[in-house]
Protein backbone atom coordinates (compact mmCIF):
# COMPACT_ATOMS: atom_id res chain seq x y z
CA MET A 1 19.96 -7.96 -1.36
CA PHE A 2 19.36 -4.41 -1.42
CA ASN A 3 22.94 -3.49 -1.27
CA LYS A 4 23.97 -6.01 -3.96
CA ALA A 5 21.32 -4.57 -6.14
CA ARG A 6 22.54 -1.16 -5.47
CA ILE A 7 26.03 -1.79 -6.29
CA LYS A 8 25.08 -3.72 -9.46
CA LEU A 9 23.06 -0.68 -10.47
CA THR A 10 25.79 1.79 -9.67
CA ALA A 11 28.17 -0.35 -11.76
CA TYR A 12 25.84 -0.12 -14.55
CA TYR A 13 25.45 3.55 -14.51
CA VAL A 14 29.33 3.98 -14.14
CA LEU A 15 29.84 1.52 -17.18
CA MET A 16 27.48 3.36 -19.22
CA LEU A 17 28.95 6.69 -18.51
CA ALA A 18 32.48 5.37 -19.06
CA CYS A 19 31.39 4.33 -22.52
CA ILE A 20 30.12 7.83 -23.28
CA LEU A 21 33.17 9.54 -22.03
CA ALA A 22 35.41 7.31 -23.94
CA PHE A 23 33.54 7.90 -27.24
CA PHE A 24 33.66 11.61 -26.76
CA SER A 25 37.06 11.54 -25.49
CA VAL A 26 38.32 9.88 -28.57
CA LEU A 27 36.45 12.31 -30.83
CA LEU A 28 37.85 15.27 -28.83
CA PHE A 29 41.43 13.98 -29.07
CA GLY A 30 41.26 13.31 -32.72
CA TYR A 31 39.64 16.68 -33.54
CA ALA A 32 42.16 18.60 -31.42
CA THR A 33 45.36 16.77 -32.85
CA HIS A 34 43.90 17.22 -36.46
CA ASN A 35 43.58 20.87 -35.88
CA LEU A 36 47.13 21.16 -34.58
CA ARG A 37 48.62 19.49 -37.55
CA VAL A 38 46.50 21.51 -40.01
CA ASN A 39 47.57 24.85 -38.08
CA PHE A 40 51.28 23.92 -38.24
CA GLN A 41 51.15 23.08 -41.93
CA ASP A 42 50.44 26.67 -42.78
CA THR A 43 53.53 28.04 -40.94
CA ASP A 44 57.28 28.27 -41.82
CA ILE A 45 58.39 26.45 -38.55
CA PRO A 46 60.54 23.52 -39.45
CA GLU A 47 59.07 20.17 -39.63
CA GLU A 48 61.04 18.65 -36.83
CA ILE A 49 59.96 21.29 -34.42
CA HIS A 50 56.16 21.37 -35.20
CA THR A 51 56.37 17.53 -35.02
CA ARG A 52 57.93 17.82 -31.51
CA VAL A 53 55.41 20.46 -30.48
CA ILE A 54 52.43 18.41 -31.85
CA HIS A 55 53.65 15.40 -30.10
CA GLU A 56 54.05 17.10 -26.55
CA ALA A 57 50.67 18.84 -26.99
CA SER A 58 48.88 15.54 -27.92
CA ASP A 59 50.48 13.92 -24.76
CA ASP A 60 49.38 17.00 -22.57
CA LEU A 61 45.97 16.85 -24.11
CA LEU A 62 45.64 13.10 -23.69
CA GLN A 63 46.67 13.35 -20.04
CA SER A 64 44.19 16.02 -19.26
CA ILE A 65 41.35 14.16 -20.95
CA VAL A 66 42.20 10.97 -18.89
CA ILE A 67 42.37 12.99 -15.60
CA ALA A 68 39.04 14.68 -16.34
CA ASP A 69 37.46 11.27 -17.26
CA ILE A 70 38.68 9.80 -14.04
CA VAL A 71 37.46 12.73 -11.99
CA ALA A 72 34.03 12.60 -13.89
CA LEU A 73 33.76 8.79 -13.20
CA VAL A 74 34.62 9.19 -9.57
CA LEU A 75 31.88 11.82 -9.00
CA ALA A 76 29.51 10.03 -11.26
CA GLY A 77 30.19 6.74 -9.27
CA GLY A 78 29.31 8.48 -6.04
CA LEU A 79 26.19 10.18 -7.54
CA SER A 80 25.15 6.97 -9.15
CA PHE A 81 25.46 5.27 -5.75
CA VAL A 82 23.19 7.85 -4.21
CA LEU A 83 20.59 7.79 -7.17
CA ALA A 84 20.69 3.96 -7.33
CA GLY A 85 19.65 3.95 -3.49
CA SER A 86 16.91 6.42 -4.13
CA THR A 87 15.71 4.36 -7.15
CA LEU A 88 15.70 1.09 -5.36
CA LYS A 89 14.31 2.23 -1.98
CA PRO A 90 10.65 2.34 -3.13
CA ILE A 91 11.02 -0.92 -4.95
CA GLN A 92 12.54 -2.61 -1.92
CA SER A 93 9.95 -1.03 0.32
CA ALA A 94 7.28 -2.42 -1.98
CA LEU A 95 8.73 -5.94 -1.87
CA ASP A 96 9.15 -5.80 1.86
CA ALA A 97 5.38 -4.83 2.11
CA GLN A 98 4.38 -7.57 -0.36
CA GLU A 99 6.57 -10.18 1.67
CA LYS A 100 4.88 -9.00 4.90
CA PHE A 101 1.44 -9.08 3.33
CA SER A 102 1.94 -12.65 2.11
CA ALA A 103 3.19 -13.69 5.47
CA HIS A 104 0.30 -12.22 7.24
CA ALA A 105 -2.24 -13.78 4.74
CA SER A 106 -0.46 -17.20 5.10
CA HIS A 107 -0.60 -16.89 8.96
CA GLU A 108 -4.22 -15.96 9.02
CA LEU A 109 -5.36 -18.77 6.56
CA ARG A 110 -3.17 -21.32 8.55
CA THR A 111 -5.13 -20.70 11.76
CA PRO A 112 -8.65 -21.79 10.51
CA LEU A 113 -7.03 -24.62 8.48
CA ALA A 114 -5.36 -25.70 11.71
CA VAL A 115 -8.61 -25.63 13.67
CA LEU A 116 -10.41 -27.61 10.98
CA LYS A 117 -7.63 -30.21 10.79
CA THR A 118 -7.76 -30.51 14.72
CA ASP A 119 -11.54 -30.89 14.64
CA PHE A 120 -11.47 -33.49 12.00
CA GLU A 121 -8.74 -35.65 13.49
CA VAL A 122 -10.61 -35.60 16.99
CA PHE A 123 -13.88 -36.52 15.24
CA SER A 124 -12.07 -39.28 13.21
CA ASN A 125 -10.51 -40.70 16.46
CA ASN A 126 -13.57 -40.63 18.36
CA LYS A 127 -14.98 -44.31 18.48
CA HIS A 128 -18.28 -43.15 20.12
CA LYS A 129 -19.33 -40.56 17.51
CA THR A 130 -22.86 -39.29 17.76
CA VAL A 131 -25.02 -37.23 15.56
CA SER A 132 -24.62 -34.07 17.90
CA ASP A 133 -20.81 -34.53 17.51
CA ALA A 134 -21.18 -34.48 13.77
CA GLU A 135 -23.51 -31.39 13.88
CA ALA A 136 -20.96 -29.66 16.17
CA LEU A 137 -18.28 -30.37 13.87
CA THR A 138 -20.29 -29.11 11.05
CA ARG A 139 -21.05 -25.89 12.64
CA ARG A 140 -17.43 -25.15 13.63
CA GLY A 141 -16.31 -26.20 10.07
CA LEU A 142 -18.78 -23.86 8.56
CA THR A 143 -17.60 -21.00 10.94
CA GLU A 144 -13.88 -21.48 9.94
CA VAL A 145 -14.79 -21.78 6.09
CA ASN A 146 -16.83 -18.70 6.32
CA ARG A 147 -14.05 -16.79 7.96
CA MET A 148 -11.57 -17.90 5.19
CA THR A 149 -14.12 -17.02 2.62
CA ASP A 150 -14.42 -13.48 4.04
CA MET A 151 -10.69 -13.15 4.11
CA VAL A 152 -10.22 -14.37 0.56
CA GLU A 153 -12.85 -11.95 -0.63
CA ASN A 154 -11.37 -9.03 1.16
CA LEU A 155 -8.00 -9.81 -0.30
CA LEU A 156 -9.59 -9.96 -3.82
CA ILE A 157 -11.02 -6.47 -3.13
CA LEU A 158 -7.63 -5.13 -2.02
CA ALA A 159 -5.89 -6.68 -5.00
CA ARG A 160 -8.34 -5.52 -7.58
CA SER A 161 -8.18 -1.96 -6.02
CA LYS A 162 -4.44 -1.79 -6.02
CA ASN A 163 -3.77 -2.95 -9.59
CA GLY A 164 -6.86 -1.37 -11.09
CA SER A 165 -7.84 -4.50 -12.93
CA GLU A 166 -11.39 -3.84 -12.29
CA ALA A 167 -13.05 -0.82 -13.74
CA LEU A 168 -15.29 1.04 -11.19
CA ALA A 169 -18.85 1.52 -12.45
CA LEU A 170 -20.05 4.83 -11.31
CA ALA A 171 -23.59 6.24 -11.02
CA ASP A 172 -25.53 8.60 -8.82
CA VAL A 173 -25.99 6.89 -5.44
CA ASP A 174 -28.33 8.08 -2.74
CA ILE A 175 -26.10 7.88 0.33
CA ALA A 176 -29.29 7.88 2.71
CA ARG A 177 -30.69 4.77 0.80
CA VAL A 178 -27.33 2.96 0.97
CA LEU A 179 -27.04 3.63 4.68
CA THR A 180 -30.59 2.79 5.53
CA SER A 181 -30.23 -0.65 3.88
CA THR A 182 -26.88 -1.19 5.74
CA VAL A 183 -27.98 -0.24 9.03
CA THR A 184 -31.08 -2.39 8.66
CA LYS A 185 -28.82 -5.48 7.90
CA MET A 186 -26.77 -4.68 10.70
CA HIS A 187 -29.47 -4.24 13.30
CA ALA A 188 -29.42 -8.04 14.28
CA ALA A 189 -25.64 -7.89 15.09
CA ALA A 190 -26.35 -4.76 17.32
CA ASP A 191 -29.19 -6.29 18.94
CA ALA A 192 -27.30 -9.50 19.75
CA LYS A 193 -25.13 -7.29 21.90
CA HIS A 194 -27.86 -5.19 23.09
CA LEU A 195 -26.53 -1.99 21.39
CA GLN A 196 -28.65 0.85 20.11
CA LEU A 197 -27.76 1.41 16.35
CA LYS A 198 -29.52 4.42 14.95
CA LEU A 199 -29.47 6.38 11.60
CA HIS A 200 -29.98 10.04 11.69
CA VAL A 201 -30.38 11.73 8.19
CA GLU A 202 -30.06 15.50 8.27
CA ASP A 203 -29.83 15.76 4.52
CA SER A 204 -30.35 13.31 1.75
CA THR A 205 -28.23 13.66 -1.37
CA SER A 206 -26.32 11.86 -4.00
CA ILE A 207 -22.82 11.16 -4.72
CA LEU A 208 -21.18 9.76 -7.87
CA GLY A 209 -20.02 6.34 -6.76
CA ASN A 210 -20.55 2.42 -6.61
CA ALA A 211 -23.40 1.51 -4.42
CA LYS A 212 -22.07 -2.01 -3.80
CA LEU A 213 -18.59 -0.76 -2.64
CA LEU A 214 -20.13 1.88 -0.61
CA GLU A 215 -22.31 -0.59 1.14
CA GLN A 216 -19.12 -2.64 1.72
CA LEU A 217 -17.58 0.60 3.27
CA PHE A 218 -20.20 1.32 5.49
CA THR A 219 -20.75 -2.37 6.55
CA ASN A 220 -17.08 -2.60 7.49
CA LEU A 221 -17.19 0.60 9.70
CA ILE A 222 -20.37 -0.29 11.38
CA GLN A 223 -19.26 -3.92 12.06
CA ASN A 224 -16.12 -2.45 13.61
CA ALA A 225 -18.31 -0.22 15.83
CA ILE A 226 -20.48 -3.06 16.93
CA SER A 227 -17.36 -5.34 17.49
CA TYR A 228 -15.53 -2.84 19.75
CA THR A 229 -18.68 -1.63 21.75
CA GLU A 230 -19.76 -3.61 24.58
CA ASN A 231 -22.25 -1.27 26.27
CA GLY A 232 -23.95 1.74 24.66
CA LYS A 233 -24.93 3.02 21.34
CA ILE A 234 -23.74 3.68 17.70
CA ASP A 235 -25.05 6.74 15.80
CA VAL A 236 -24.84 7.12 12.06
CA LEU A 237 -25.32 10.61 10.80
CA ILE A 238 -25.55 12.10 7.27
CA LYS A 239 -25.33 15.59 6.41
CA ALA A 240 -24.50 17.62 3.35
CA ASP A 241 -23.25 21.23 2.53
CA THR A 242 -20.35 21.62 0.14
CA PHE A 243 -19.61 17.95 0.70
CA VAL A 244 -21.57 14.79 1.85
CA THR A 245 -20.43 13.81 5.27
CA VAL A 246 -21.07 10.48 6.98
CA ILE A 247 -20.30 10.29 10.72
CA ILE A 248 -20.24 6.88 12.53
CA GLU A 249 -19.92 7.43 16.42
CA ASP A 250 -19.73 4.70 18.86
CA THR A 251 -19.23 4.50 22.70
CA GLY A 252 -16.81 1.60 22.46
CA ILE A 253 -13.37 0.73 23.90
CA GLY A 254 -11.60 3.36 21.66
CA ILE A 255 -8.20 3.11 20.07
CA ASN A 256 -4.77 4.07 21.24
CA GLN A 257 -3.40 7.10 19.65
CA LYS A 258 -0.32 5.32 18.49
CA ASP A 259 -2.48 2.89 16.59
CA LEU A 260 -4.45 5.61 14.72
CA ARG A 261 -1.61 6.03 12.22
CA GLU A 262 -1.40 2.31 11.42
CA ILE A 263 -4.86 1.09 11.29
CA PHE A 264 -5.38 1.39 7.54
CA LYS A 265 -2.44 -0.87 7.06
CA PRO A 266 -3.47 -4.48 5.87
CA PHE A 267 -3.53 -6.89 8.64
CA TYR A 268 -2.68 -4.27 11.21
CA LYS A 269 -4.24 -5.11 14.52
CA ALA A 270 -4.29 -2.54 17.34
CA ASP A 271 -3.93 -3.92 20.74
CA ILE A 272 -4.78 -7.26 22.34
CA ALA A 273 -7.98 -5.88 23.96
CA ARG A 274 -9.51 -4.85 20.50
CA THR A 275 -8.51 -8.02 18.69
CA ALA A 276 -9.70 -10.25 21.49
CA THR A 277 -13.12 -8.89 21.15
CA ALA A 278 -13.50 -8.67 17.43
CA GLY A 279 -11.48 -11.78 16.03
CA GLY A 280 -10.85 -10.14 12.71
CA VAL A 281 -7.85 -10.32 10.52
CA GLY A 282 -7.07 -6.50 10.09
CA LEU A 283 -8.31 -6.13 6.46
CA GLY A 284 -11.66 -4.06 7.02
CA LEU A 285 -10.06 -0.76 7.46
CA SER A 286 -7.70 -1.21 4.65
CA ILE A 287 -10.58 -1.89 2.38
CA VAL A 288 -12.40 1.15 3.67
CA ARG A 289 -9.35 3.41 2.81
CA GLU A 290 -9.21 2.05 -0.74
CA ILE A 291 -13.00 2.51 -1.28
CA VAL A 292 -12.84 6.06 0.06
CA ASP A 293 -9.98 6.94 -2.28
CA LYS A 294 -11.80 5.40 -5.21
CA HIS A 295 -14.45 7.81 -4.52
CA LYS A 296 -12.25 10.72 -4.19
CA GLY A 297 -13.25 11.06 -0.50
CA THR A 298 -11.37 11.57 2.76
CA ILE A 299 -11.72 9.55 5.99
CA THR A 300 -10.60 10.65 9.51
CA ILE A 301 -10.83 8.69 12.89
CA LYS A 302 -10.82 10.30 16.26
CA SER A 303 -10.82 8.23 19.22
CA GLU A 304 -10.29 7.93 23.03
CA LEU A 305 -9.60 4.90 25.02
CA GLY A 306 -12.74 3.96 27.26
CA LYS A 307 -14.78 6.63 25.55
CA GLY A 308 -15.27 5.66 21.88
CA THR A 309 -14.55 6.29 18.34
CA ILE A 310 -15.79 8.82 15.73
CA VAL A 311 -15.25 8.09 11.90
CA THR A 312 -15.79 10.91 9.72
CA ILE A 313 -16.01 10.32 5.91
CA THR A 314 -16.66 12.97 3.26
CA PHE A 315 -17.42 12.60 -0.43
CA PRO A 316 -17.72 15.29 -3.06
CA LEU A 317 -21.18 15.98 -4.24
CA SER A 318 -22.46 14.23 -7.33
């Protein structure tokens, strides 16, 4: 498909150039032959001689123009082929990414739907249904529905962020207050895994941002830390100097170095060990990157397998 489009675009470029060359070649030939006739009319050269000379000069000129046009078209064709490839490459990459994104989204939605379908079929075929069976089915169904809901909401956040359809409402936001609220909400999940989750505030300062999106950002990062930490602690630190810096450090299973370059891509999942413990769909860090970019910040992740992960986010001061 890419090569066909490239050839078509090249042909369009060449055809357009051919029309331009033909137009100017006709003008040049007409102007040159007209000047030849005018110049010979003011001389005493016999008519049959200057007619022959004009005819020969016109033939030579026409031949030179045709050769020059052919050479120009050949060179332009090669250059157009290269330019067409450069023009279409980012478009093709975007289409491939969109196709891959759609395939991943469909796959991730198909899984909970298949679970629901199987559960309903088993329940429907069970001739000895009990109230406890119905309650168990309801609980499993709600779990899968919540999973799909979270994924759809995350997809909407990514889509709106990518196309800029939703204006970002900015105001002075106290980072310490947002993180205090977020850490408080995440304590239950940390306690359930017997993890220590602590917030350390060295400096309290404000940035220009959106409180709701910032809470989403920190929730995703802390949730990741909890999901990938089986024993130990998670420390969240806030400090400010020329920038506001938030550091989230865990003692979890860590990330492979080869995965660190890919983890911000939508639906990317690192290795089997990480995904088996978390059960996510790989959208959290994509949303994190988008939110950080929206706030003109930076994010870096350092990690070592078996030792933990350090996430550092910096924001410009308000």
